[in-house]
Amino acid sequence: MEQCSDESSRKRSVVGEDRISELPEPLILQILSSLPTKDVVATSVLSKRWGSFWKVV
């Protein structure tokens, strides 16, 4: 039972982390540039920081 509890708390901590937003802007733009424009525009709602990235890509 202890192992199950540890696993569920580890999953919660991973879900709560936002590691993508910690990436530098040039890397995020490079990743977004490999996506279709429709998907890039859709990502603009994910973060205030990402709101204008679709205009650059």
Protein backbone atom coordinates (compact mmCIF):
# COMPACT_ATOMS: atom_id res chain seq x y z
CA MET A 1 0.00 0.00 0.00
CA GLU A 2 2.87 2.40 0.77
CA GLN A 3 4.25 2.02 -2.77
CA CYS A 4 0.90 2.96 -4.31
CA SER A 5 0.75 6.11 -2.21
CA ASP A 6 4.28 7.12 -3.27
CA GLU A 7 3.43 6.56 -6.92
CA SER A 8 0.26 8.66 -6.80
CA SER A 9 2.05 11.56 -5.07
CA ARG A 10 4.83 11.41 -7.66
CA LYS A 11 2.26 11.61 -10.48
CA ARG A 12 0.65 14.66 -8.85
CA SER A 13 3.97 16.45 -8.60
CA VAL A 14 4.79 15.76 -12.25
CA VAL A 15 1.40 17.04 -13.39
CA GLY A 16 1.81 20.21 -11.32
CA GLU A 17 5.18 21.06 -12.90
CA ASP A 18 5.38 23.39 -15.87
CA ARG A 19 8.80 22.67 -17.30
CA ILE A 20 7.99 23.84 -20.82
CA SER A 21 7.54 27.45 -19.74
CA GLU A 22 11.04 27.37 -18.28
CA LEU A 23 12.52 26.84 -21.75
CA PRO A 24 14.18 29.82 -23.42
CA GLU A 25 12.03 31.69 -25.94
CA PRO A 26 14.20 30.81 -28.99
CA LEU A 27 13.80 27.10 -28.24
CA ILE A 28 10.03 27.40 -27.83
CA LEU A 29 9.85 29.28 -31.14
CA GLN A 30 11.92 26.59 -32.84
CA ILE A 31 9.58 23.90 -31.54
CA LEU A 32 6.49 25.86 -32.57
CA SER A 33 7.91 26.50 -36.04
CA SER A 34 7.82 22.77 -36.71
CA LEU A 35 4.05 22.65 -36.08
CA PRO A 36 1.24 23.50 -38.48
CA THR A 37 0.10 27.14 -38.13
CA LYS A 38 -3.31 26.05 -36.84
CA ASP A 39 -1.66 24.23 -33.92
CA VAL A 40 0.69 27.13 -33.18
CA VAL A 41 -2.25 29.51 -32.94
CA ALA A 42 -4.04 27.03 -30.65
CA THR A 43 -1.06 27.08 -28.25
CA SER A 44 -1.47 30.81 -27.75
CA VAL A 45 -4.17 30.14 -25.17
CA LEU A 46 -1.86 28.01 -23.03
CA SER A 47 0.07 30.86 -21.47
CA LYS A 48 0.12 34.66 -21.41
CA ARG A 49 3.78 34.44 -22.39
CA TRP A 50 2.92 32.36 -25.46
CA GLY A 51 0.07 34.64 -26.54
CA SER A 52 2.03 36.40 -29.27
CA PHE A 53 4.43 33.61 -30.28
CA TRP A 54 2.18 32.56 -33.15
CA LYS A 55 2.78 35.96 -34.78
CA VAL A 56 6.53 35.32 -34.85
CA VAL A 57 6.30 31.77 -36.20
